[in-house]
Amino acid sequence: MAPVGTNEPAGAGLRRRRRNCIMHVDMDAFFVTVELRTRPELRGRPVIVGYPAERSVVLSASYEARAFGVKSAMPMAVAMRMCPQAVIIEPRHKVYYEVSAQLMAIFESVTELVEPLSVDEAFLDVSGAIRRLGPPRAIGELIRSRVATELGITASVGIAETKFVAKIASTRCKPDGLLLITPDETVPYLHSLPVGALWGVGAKTTDVLARMGIKTVADLAATPASSLKKMLGATGVHVHQLAWGIDPRPVTPVRLEKSIGAEETFAVDTADDALLHRELLRLSHRTAERLRSSGMVSRTIALKLRFADFSTITRSRTVQTPVDSAQLIYAVALQLLDSVDRPMTVRLVGVRAEQLEETARTSLQLSIDRRDDNWRAAEQAVDQVARKFGGKSVLPARLLEPGSGAG
């Protein structure tokens, strides 16, 4: 309990009485470890998943490559200069999505309360599974064991009373580890960390706080919330609560209707419109390609944004004519993005095609504009080239620029 006279906010006592058990399960260098299942001779060597083209970016890097400074979203040319001995493996997104589905199935066999954050990480509320499966640490080790045995990859598991602290725990025990932070340990543990460990405290905010002499979470916790609000706006109140381990957000299961889509988590949270637009274009092409290969068209396009504090919003728009063209999906996604107020930097962006119909049963050809039909014809030609020469033989010119990636 905080001593009398501290700035522990109202509600902290309620946090201490509540005994949720939340896990953050995160795969270690997901794309790389999936590839190493079929290339075990590369274990222990620096490996990068990405396209070897000079203007592409690193999608994932092994920990051996990270030791040379290689990071996700880094331009491939820079990564190859930093670690010229690295083995470059071109990505196989279809395989990664298949493994991701198997991973989520493991999570859902443990608890119904699973909140996926990306293809390789999720929050799990296992409070209701303790009587059936044992104490939290045993459940965490069970998940790690099943992921290793059934999928051939490794996972790091953070366990805490809240989502925020569970996420910190998984980050601190990587790779291939488990860290349990009990409710009584939460505040002392948080107060031992640098202030940048808090959600919503990026480089700029860290600089602002440093100028005020606030360098650790303990420093921030000792600062009145009113003072932080003057410095940082609404974010100040939010980070003050986090500094005391207060994060009331529950694990929210995602139950999607029949749909096709793609999403990407940025290695570094961003507010850059050009980067967001480029990633939306990339995701629109990936979604459209999957639509056409499935023989489906979509009547509703949805945009998903996850912010730096892990809050998530979705916006959708129903189109007059069903679509399977990347350019048409991208146009709607841009409109949706422009309609959204973004209170903080973006961690994840996603595009999803919903209300699907079979192309053969839709009067698509008779109703679309001639210019739109030209886009469809061009993209279908790209599909044919991809089938013959490989998935990334032809790309829109904008996607040859350095972009973002996940790892």
Protein backbone atom coordinates (compact mmCIF):
# COMPACT_ATOMS: atom_id res chain seq x y z
CA MET A 1 0.00 0.00 0.00
CA ALA A 2 1.26 3.48 -0.85
CA PRO A 3 2.28 5.59 2.15
CA VAL A 4 0.06 8.44 3.27
CA GLY A 5 0.76 11.55 1.25
CA THR A 6 1.58 9.86 -2.07
CA ASN A 7 -0.31 10.63 -5.24
CA GLU A 8 -1.88 7.18 -5.57
CA PRO A 9 -5.08 7.88 -7.52
CA ALA A 10 -8.60 7.06 -6.46
CA GLY A 11 -9.50 3.54 -7.54
CA ALA A 12 -6.13 2.03 -6.69
CA GLY A 13 -7.69 0.21 -3.73
CA LEU A 14 -10.26 -1.33 -6.05
CA ARG A 15 -7.40 -2.44 -8.31
CA ARG A 16 -5.76 -4.19 -5.38
CA ARG A 17 -8.98 -6.00 -4.39
CA ARG A 18 -9.67 -7.25 -7.90
CA ARG A 19 -7.82 -10.46 -8.73
CA ASN A 20 -7.98 -10.92 -12.47
CA CYS A 21 -5.36 -13.06 -14.16
CA ILE A 22 -4.40 -11.76 -17.58
CA MET A 23 -1.70 -13.08 -19.88
CA HIS A 24 0.02 -11.47 -22.82
CA VAL A 25 1.38 -14.20 -25.08
CA ASP A 26 3.78 -13.05 -27.79
CA MET A 27 5.72 -15.17 -30.27
CA ASP A 28 9.47 -14.65 -30.55
CA ALA A 29 10.54 -13.35 -34.00
CA PHE A 30 7.42 -15.02 -35.39
CA PHE A 31 8.13 -15.00 -39.14
CA VAL A 32 11.71 -16.15 -38.59
CA THR A 33 10.84 -18.99 -36.22
CA VAL A 34 8.14 -20.25 -38.57
CA GLU A 35 10.69 -20.37 -41.38
CA LEU A 36 13.26 -22.16 -39.22
CA ARG A 37 10.88 -25.08 -38.79
CA THR A 38 11.71 -26.15 -42.34
CA ARG A 39 15.27 -24.79 -42.33
CA PRO A 40 16.70 -25.98 -39.00
CA GLU A 41 20.25 -25.64 -40.32
CA LEU A 42 19.83 -21.86 -39.92
CA ARG A 43 19.20 -22.00 -36.17
CA GLY A 44 21.75 -19.92 -34.30
CA ARG A 45 22.57 -17.83 -37.36
CA PRO A 46 21.43 -14.27 -38.17
CA VAL A 47 18.28 -14.57 -40.29
CA ILE A 48 16.10 -11.82 -41.78
CA VAL A 49 12.65 -12.27 -43.29
CA GLY A 50 11.98 -9.73 -46.04
CA TYR A 51 12.48 -9.10 -49.72
CA PRO A 52 16.14 -8.69 -50.73
CA ALA A 53 15.34 -5.66 -52.90
CA GLU A 54 17.30 -2.65 -51.68
CA ARG A 55 14.19 -0.50 -51.13
CA SER A 56 12.27 -3.10 -49.12
CA VAL A 57 12.16 -3.38 -45.32
CA VAL A 58 12.88 -5.97 -42.65
CA LEU A 59 9.72 -7.82 -41.67
CA SER A 60 11.28 -9.95 -38.93
CA ALA A 61 14.79 -10.63 -37.63
CA SER A 62 16.23 -13.43 -35.53
CA TYR A 63 17.76 -12.51 -32.21
CA GLU A 64 21.18 -13.29 -33.68
CA ALA A 65 20.53 -10.61 -36.33
CA ARG A 66 19.17 -8.21 -33.71
CA ALA A 67 22.51 -8.46 -31.91
CA PHE A 68 23.96 -6.56 -34.90
CA GLY A 69 21.31 -3.83 -34.57
CA VAL A 70 18.85 -5.17 -37.14
CA LYS A 71 15.23 -4.28 -36.35
CA SER A 72 11.80 -4.78 -37.90
CA ALA A 73 10.78 -2.02 -40.35
CA MET A 74 14.43 -1.09 -40.93
CA PRO A 75 15.31 -0.56 -44.61
CA MET A 76 16.76 -3.79 -45.96
CA ALA A 77 19.78 -1.95 -47.39
CA VAL A 78 20.68 -0.71 -43.89
CA ALA A 79 20.12 -4.14 -42.35
CA MET A 80 22.37 -5.82 -44.92
CA ARG A 81 25.13 -3.30 -44.22
CA MET A 82 24.84 -3.88 -40.48
CA CYS A 83 24.76 -7.66 -40.83
CA PRO A 84 26.08 -8.69 -44.26
CA GLN A 85 26.33 -12.34 -43.20
CA ALA A 86 22.57 -12.59 -42.53
CA VAL A 87 20.51 -15.12 -44.46
CA ILE A 88 17.58 -13.41 -46.22
CA ILE A 89 14.34 -15.40 -46.51
CA GLU A 90 11.42 -14.09 -48.57
CA PRO A 91 8.16 -14.05 -46.57
CA ARG A 92 5.35 -16.57 -46.99
CA HIS A 93 2.32 -14.73 -45.60
CA LYS A 94 -0.09 -17.57 -46.28
CA VAL A 95 1.96 -19.89 -44.05
CA TYR A 96 2.13 -17.27 -41.28
CA TYR A 97 -1.66 -16.86 -41.28
CA GLU A 98 -2.10 -20.64 -41.13
CA VAL A 99 0.22 -20.90 -38.11
CA SER A 100 -1.53 -17.90 -36.54
CA ALA A 101 -4.89 -19.69 -36.81
CA GLN A 102 -3.41 -22.74 -35.08
CA LEU A 103 -1.94 -20.49 -32.41
CA MET A 104 -5.28 -18.82 -31.69
CA ALA A 105 -6.92 -22.26 -31.49
CA ILE A 106 -4.47 -23.20 -28.70
CA PHE A 107 -5.37 -20.01 -26.83
CA GLU A 108 -9.10 -20.63 -27.22
CA SER A 109 -8.74 -24.16 -25.84
CA VAL A 110 -7.49 -22.57 -22.61
CA THR A 111 -10.04 -19.75 -22.32
CA GLU A 112 -12.86 -18.20 -24.31
CA LEU A 113 -11.55 -14.74 -23.41
CA VAL A 114 -8.92 -14.24 -26.11
CA GLU A 115 -8.17 -10.82 -27.63
CA PRO A 116 -5.85 -11.12 -30.65
CA LEU A 117 -3.60 -8.10 -31.17
CA SER A 118 -1.89 -9.29 -34.36
CA VAL A 119 -1.05 -12.56 -36.06
CA ASP A 120 1.41 -13.53 -33.33
CA GLU A 121 0.20 -12.09 -30.03
CA ALA A 122 -2.91 -11.95 -27.88
CA PHE A 123 -4.25 -11.13 -24.44
CA LEU A 124 -5.89 -13.99 -22.55
CA ASP A 125 -8.04 -13.68 -19.41
CA VAL A 126 -7.46 -17.01 -17.67
CA SER A 127 -9.18 -16.09 -14.38
CA GLY A 128 -11.90 -18.66 -15.04
CA ALA A 129 -9.44 -21.40 -16.06
CA ILE A 130 -7.43 -21.54 -12.82
CA ARG A 131 -9.69 -24.08 -11.10
CA ARG A 132 -9.54 -26.33 -14.17
CA LEU A 133 -5.89 -25.93 -15.23
CA GLY A 134 -4.03 -24.87 -12.12
CA PRO A 135 -2.26 -21.70 -10.97
CA PRO A 136 -1.32 -18.92 -13.43
CA ARG A 137 2.32 -19.94 -13.85
CA ALA A 138 1.25 -23.53 -14.66
CA ILE A 139 -1.20 -22.25 -17.29
CA GLY A 140 1.49 -20.04 -18.82
CA GLU A 141 3.93 -22.94 -19.01
CA LEU A 142 1.20 -25.15 -20.50
CA ILE A 143 0.65 -22.62 -23.29
CA ARG A 144 4.39 -22.30 -23.95
CA SER A 145 4.78 -26.07 -24.03
CA ARG A 146 1.89 -26.57 -26.45
CA VAL A 147 3.10 -23.81 -28.77
CA ALA A 148 6.57 -25.37 -28.85
CA THR A 149 5.34 -28.97 -29.25
CA GLU A 150 2.45 -28.42 -31.67
CA LEU A 151 3.74 -25.48 -33.72
CA GLY A 152 7.52 -25.75 -33.38
CA ILE A 153 7.98 -22.11 -32.35
CA THR A 154 8.61 -20.31 -29.05
CA ALA A 155 6.44 -17.93 -27.06
CA SER A 156 7.05 -15.46 -24.26
CA VAL A 157 4.30 -15.09 -21.65
CA GLY A 158 3.68 -12.17 -19.31
CA ILE A 159 1.21 -12.71 -16.46
CA ALA A 160 -0.30 -9.94 -14.35
CA GLU A 161 -3.53 -8.50 -13.01
CA THR A 162 -3.93 -6.06 -15.92
CA LYS A 163 -3.33 -6.00 -19.67
CA PHE A 164 -0.76 -3.24 -19.42
CA VAL A 165 1.43 -4.98 -16.86
CA ALA A 166 1.08 -8.35 -18.61
CA LYS A 167 2.38 -6.73 -21.79
CA ILE A 168 5.36 -5.25 -19.95
CA ALA A 169 6.08 -8.66 -18.41
CA SER A 170 6.14 -10.48 -21.76
CA THR A 171 8.46 -7.85 -23.22
CA ARG A 172 10.84 -8.16 -20.27
CA CYS A 173 11.13 -11.96 -20.45
CA LYS A 174 11.86 -12.30 -24.18
CA PRO A 175 12.88 -14.50 -25.81
CA ASP A 176 11.26 -17.80 -24.80
CA GLY A 177 10.49 -16.81 -21.22
CA LEU A 178 7.73 -16.36 -18.66
CA LEU A 179 7.37 -13.58 -16.11
CA LEU A 180 4.65 -13.45 -13.45
CA ILE A 181 4.08 -10.12 -11.70
CA THR A 182 1.71 -10.57 -8.76
CA PRO A 183 -0.71 -7.82 -7.67
CA ASP A 184 1.44 -7.04 -4.62
CA GLU A 185 4.56 -6.77 -6.78
CA THR A 186 2.94 -4.60 -9.47
CA VAL A 187 3.54 -1.07 -8.19
CA PRO A 188 7.11 -1.67 -6.92
CA TYR A 189 7.97 -3.35 -10.23
CA LEU A 190 6.50 -0.52 -12.31
CA HIS A 191 8.28 2.11 -10.24
CA SER A 192 11.63 0.49 -11.03
CA LEU A 193 11.17 1.11 -14.78
CA PRO A 194 12.05 4.07 -17.01
CA VAL A 195 9.10 6.29 -17.84
CA GLY A 196 9.21 5.20 -21.49
CA ALA A 197 7.86 1.79 -20.45
CA LEU A 198 4.37 3.30 -20.08
CA TRP A 199 1.87 3.08 -22.94
CA GLY A 200 1.48 6.48 -24.55
CA VAL A 201 4.95 7.70 -23.53
CA GLY A 202 6.95 7.86 -26.75
CA ALA A 203 10.20 9.64 -27.50
CA LYS A 204 8.68 13.14 -27.63
CA THR A 205 6.73 12.68 -24.40
CA THR A 206 9.82 11.22 -22.74
CA ASP A 207 11.74 14.39 -23.67
CA VAL A 208 8.97 16.63 -22.29
CA LEU A 209 8.92 14.71 -19.02
CA ALA A 210 12.72 14.64 -18.77
CA ARG A 211 12.80 18.44 -18.95
CA MET A 212 10.57 18.40 -15.86
CA GLY A 213 12.89 15.97 -14.07
CA ILE A 214 10.60 12.97 -14.58
CA LYS A 215 12.70 10.05 -15.77
CA THR A 216 11.24 6.98 -14.08
CA VAL A 217 7.75 5.61 -13.55
CA ALA A 218 8.25 6.32 -9.85
CA ASP A 219 8.94 10.00 -10.69
CA LEU A 220 5.78 10.16 -12.75
CA ALA A 221 3.68 8.42 -10.10
CA ALA A 222 4.82 10.99 -7.54
CA THR A 223 3.75 13.87 -9.81
CA PRO A 224 0.17 15.11 -9.30
CA ALA A 225 -2.17 14.04 -12.08
CA SER A 226 -3.28 17.68 -12.47
CA SER A 227 0.30 18.71 -13.26
CA LEU A 228 0.67 15.91 -15.79
CA LYS A 229 -2.59 16.94 -17.43
CA LYS A 230 -1.25 20.47 -17.89
CA MET A 231 1.91 19.07 -19.50
CA LEU A 232 0.42 16.26 -21.61
CA GLY A 233 -3.32 16.84 -21.82
CA ALA A 234 -5.61 13.84 -21.35
CA THR A 235 -2.65 11.52 -21.83
CA GLY A 236 -1.21 12.83 -18.56
CA VAL A 237 -4.10 11.42 -16.52
CA HIS A 238 -3.91 8.13 -18.41
CA VAL A 239 -0.20 7.57 -17.81
CA HIS A 240 -0.55 8.58 -14.16
CA GLN A 241 -3.05 5.76 -13.69
CA LEU A 242 -0.77 3.32 -15.48
CA ALA A 243 2.09 4.34 -13.20
CA TRP A 244 0.02 2.99 -10.31
CA GLY A 245 -0.88 -0.20 -12.18
CA ILE A 246 -4.45 0.88 -12.89
CA ASP A 247 -5.77 -0.43 -16.21
CA PRO A 248 -9.46 -1.43 -15.99
CA ARG A 249 -9.78 -2.50 -19.62
CA PRO A 250 -10.99 -6.08 -19.89
CA VAL A 251 -9.83 -8.68 -22.37
CA THR A 252 -12.34 -8.31 -25.21
CA PRO A 253 -12.79 -11.39 -27.42
CA VAL A 254 -12.99 -10.69 -31.15
CA ARG A 255 -15.67 -12.59 -33.02
CA LEU A 256 -15.52 -11.60 -36.68
CA GLU A 257 -18.20 -12.42 -39.18
CA LYS A 258 -17.23 -14.21 -42.37
CA SER A 259 -14.73 -11.83 -43.87
CA ILE A 260 -11.33 -11.49 -45.51
CA GLY A 261 -8.72 -8.99 -44.49
CA ALA A 262 -5.17 -8.18 -43.48
CA GLU A 263 -3.53 -6.11 -40.80
CA GLU A 264 -0.06 -5.03 -39.81
CA THR A 265 1.49 -3.97 -36.52
CA PHE A 266 4.08 -1.21 -36.83
CA ALA A 267 7.44 -1.84 -35.18
CA VAL A 268 7.28 1.78 -33.99
CA ASP A 269 3.95 3.53 -33.35
CA THR A 270 3.34 6.21 -35.98
CA ALA A 271 1.31 9.31 -36.77
CA ASP A 272 2.81 9.67 -40.27
CA ASP A 273 -0.04 9.98 -42.82
CA ALA A 274 2.18 8.94 -45.72
CA LEU A 275 3.21 5.76 -43.91
CA LEU A 276 -0.39 4.97 -42.97
CA HIS A 277 -1.54 5.52 -46.55
CA ARG A 278 1.20 3.30 -47.93
CA GLU A 279 0.38 0.51 -45.47
CA LEU A 280 -3.33 0.81 -46.30
CA LEU A 281 -2.48 0.37 -49.99
CA ARG A 282 -0.37 -2.70 -49.21
CA LEU A 283 -3.15 -4.22 -47.08
CA SER A 284 -5.79 -3.40 -49.71
CA HIS A 285 -3.79 -5.32 -52.31
CA ARG A 286 -3.36 -8.27 -49.97
CA THR A 287 -7.09 -8.29 -49.17
CA ALA A 288 -8.15 -7.93 -52.80
CA GLU A 289 -5.83 -10.73 -53.88
CA ARG A 290 -7.37 -13.05 -51.28
CA LEU A 291 -10.88 -12.03 -52.36
CA ARG A 292 -10.20 -12.83 -56.01
CA SER A 293 -8.46 -16.11 -55.23
CA SER A 294 -11.49 -17.09 -53.13
CA GLY A 295 -13.94 -16.09 -55.87
CA MET A 296 -15.57 -13.52 -53.57
CA VAL A 297 -16.54 -9.85 -53.66
CA SER A 298 -17.32 -7.55 -50.75
CA ARG A 299 -20.14 -5.11 -50.06
CA THR A 300 -18.61 -3.59 -46.90
CA ILE A 301 -15.06 -2.36 -46.28
CA ALA A 302 -13.84 -1.92 -42.71
CA LEU A 303 -10.85 -0.05 -41.29
CA LYS A 304 -9.24 -1.10 -38.00
CA LEU A 305 -6.91 1.11 -35.96
CA ARG A 306 -5.17 0.18 -32.72
CA PHE A 307 -3.55 3.08 -30.88
CA ALA A 308 -0.48 3.27 -28.68
CA ASP A 309 -2.51 2.49 -25.54
CA PHE A 310 -3.98 -0.63 -27.24
CA SER A 311 -7.45 0.91 -27.55
CA THR A 312 -8.98 -0.20 -30.84
CA ILE A 313 -11.59 1.27 -33.15
CA THR A 314 -13.21 0.04 -36.34
CA ARG A 315 -15.07 2.00 -38.99
CA SER A 316 -16.89 0.51 -41.97
CA ARG A 317 -18.69 1.63 -45.11
CA THR A 318 -21.04 -0.30 -47.39
CA VAL A 319 -20.41 0.29 -51.09
CA GLN A 320 -23.08 0.46 -53.77
CA THR A 321 -21.42 -2.17 -55.94
CA PRO A 322 -19.51 -5.21 -54.56
CA VAL A 323 -15.74 -4.92 -54.98
CA ASP A 324 -12.66 -7.12 -55.28
CA SER A 325 -10.26 -4.45 -56.56
CA ALA A 326 -7.42 -3.18 -54.36
CA GLN A 327 -7.76 0.36 -55.68
CA LEU A 328 -11.47 0.48 -54.80
CA ILE A 329 -10.86 -1.03 -51.37
CA TYR A 330 -8.02 1.44 -50.82
CA ALA A 331 -10.20 4.40 -51.80
CA VAL A 332 -12.83 3.45 -49.20
CA ALA A 333 -10.17 2.75 -46.56
CA LEU A 334 -8.67 6.21 -47.11
CA GLN A 335 -12.09 7.83 -46.68
CA LEU A 336 -12.57 5.93 -43.44
CA LEU A 337 -9.11 6.94 -42.19
CA ASP A 338 -9.81 10.60 -42.95
CA SER A 339 -13.06 10.39 -40.96
CA VAL A 340 -11.33 9.22 -37.78
CA ASP A 341 -9.97 11.43 -35.01
CA ARG A 342 -6.61 10.02 -33.97
CA PRO A 343 -5.87 11.02 -30.34
CA MET A 344 -2.45 9.34 -30.33
CA THR A 345 -0.03 7.40 -32.49
CA VAL A 346 -1.14 4.25 -34.31
CA ARG A 347 0.20 0.80 -33.40
CA LEU A 348 -1.78 -1.34 -35.87
CA VAL A 349 -3.77 -0.76 -39.03
CA GLY A 350 -6.04 -3.25 -40.74
CA VAL A 351 -8.34 -3.53 -43.76
CA ARG A 352 -11.19 -6.03 -43.90
CA ALA A 353 -13.72 -6.97 -46.58
CA GLU A 354 -17.07 -7.98 -45.10
CA GLN A 355 -20.53 -9.01 -46.35
CA LEU A 356 -18.96 -11.37 -48.87
CA GLU A 357 -20.71 -12.77 -51.90
CA GLU A 358 -19.64 -15.22 -54.56
CA THR A 359 -18.43 -13.36 -57.64
CA ALA A 360 -20.28 -15.77 -59.94
CA ARG A 361 -23.61 -14.82 -58.33
CA THR A 362 -23.06 -11.05 -58.43
CA SER A 363 -23.87 -8.71 -61.31
CA LEU A 364 -20.46 -7.12 -60.90
CA GLN A 365 -19.43 -6.80 -64.52
CA LEU A 366 -22.68 -5.07 -65.52
CA SER A 367 -22.64 -2.48 -62.79
CA ILE A 368 -19.08 -1.25 -62.30
CA ASP A 369 -17.69 1.89 -63.84
CA ARG A 370 -15.42 1.38 -66.87
CA ARG A 371 -12.45 2.87 -65.04
CA ASP A 372 -13.00 0.48 -62.14
CA ASP A 373 -13.16 -2.43 -64.58
CA ASN A 374 -9.77 -1.33 -65.89
CA TRP A 375 -8.37 -1.59 -62.37
CA ARG A 376 -9.85 -5.06 -61.99
CA ALA A 377 -8.40 -6.18 -65.31
CA ALA A 378 -4.97 -4.86 -64.37
CA GLU A 379 -5.03 -6.55 -60.97
CA GLN A 380 -6.22 -9.83 -62.48
CA ALA A 381 -3.24 -9.64 -64.84
CA VAL A 382 -0.99 -9.16 -61.79
CA ASP A 383 -2.60 -12.26 -60.25
CA GLN A 384 -1.64 -14.27 -63.34
CA VAL A 385 1.95 -12.99 -63.21
CA ALA A 386 2.14 -13.80 -59.50
CA ARG A 387 0.93 -17.35 -60.05
CA LYS A 388 3.52 -17.86 -62.75
CA PHE A 389 6.56 -16.07 -61.29
CA GLY A 390 5.89 -15.73 -57.54
CA GLY A 391 3.73 -13.69 -55.23
CA LYS A 392 5.60 -10.37 -55.35
CA SER A 393 6.75 -10.19 -58.96
CA VAL A 394 4.68 -7.05 -59.60
CA LEU A 395 4.00 -4.32 -57.04
CA PRO A 396 2.50 -0.81 -57.17
CA ALA A 397 5.35 1.70 -57.40
CA ARG A 398 4.37 3.30 -54.08
CA LEU A 399 4.95 0.01 -52.28
CA LEU A 400 8.58 -0.06 -53.39
CA GLU A 401 9.22 2.77 -50.93
CA PRO A 402 10.40 1.96 -47.41
CA GLY A 403 7.32 1.06 -45.38
CA SER A 404 6.42 -0.61 -42.18
CA GLY A 405 6.53 -4.17 -41.04
CA ALA A 406 5.87 -6.59 -38.25
CA GLY A 407 8.15 -8.99 -36.58
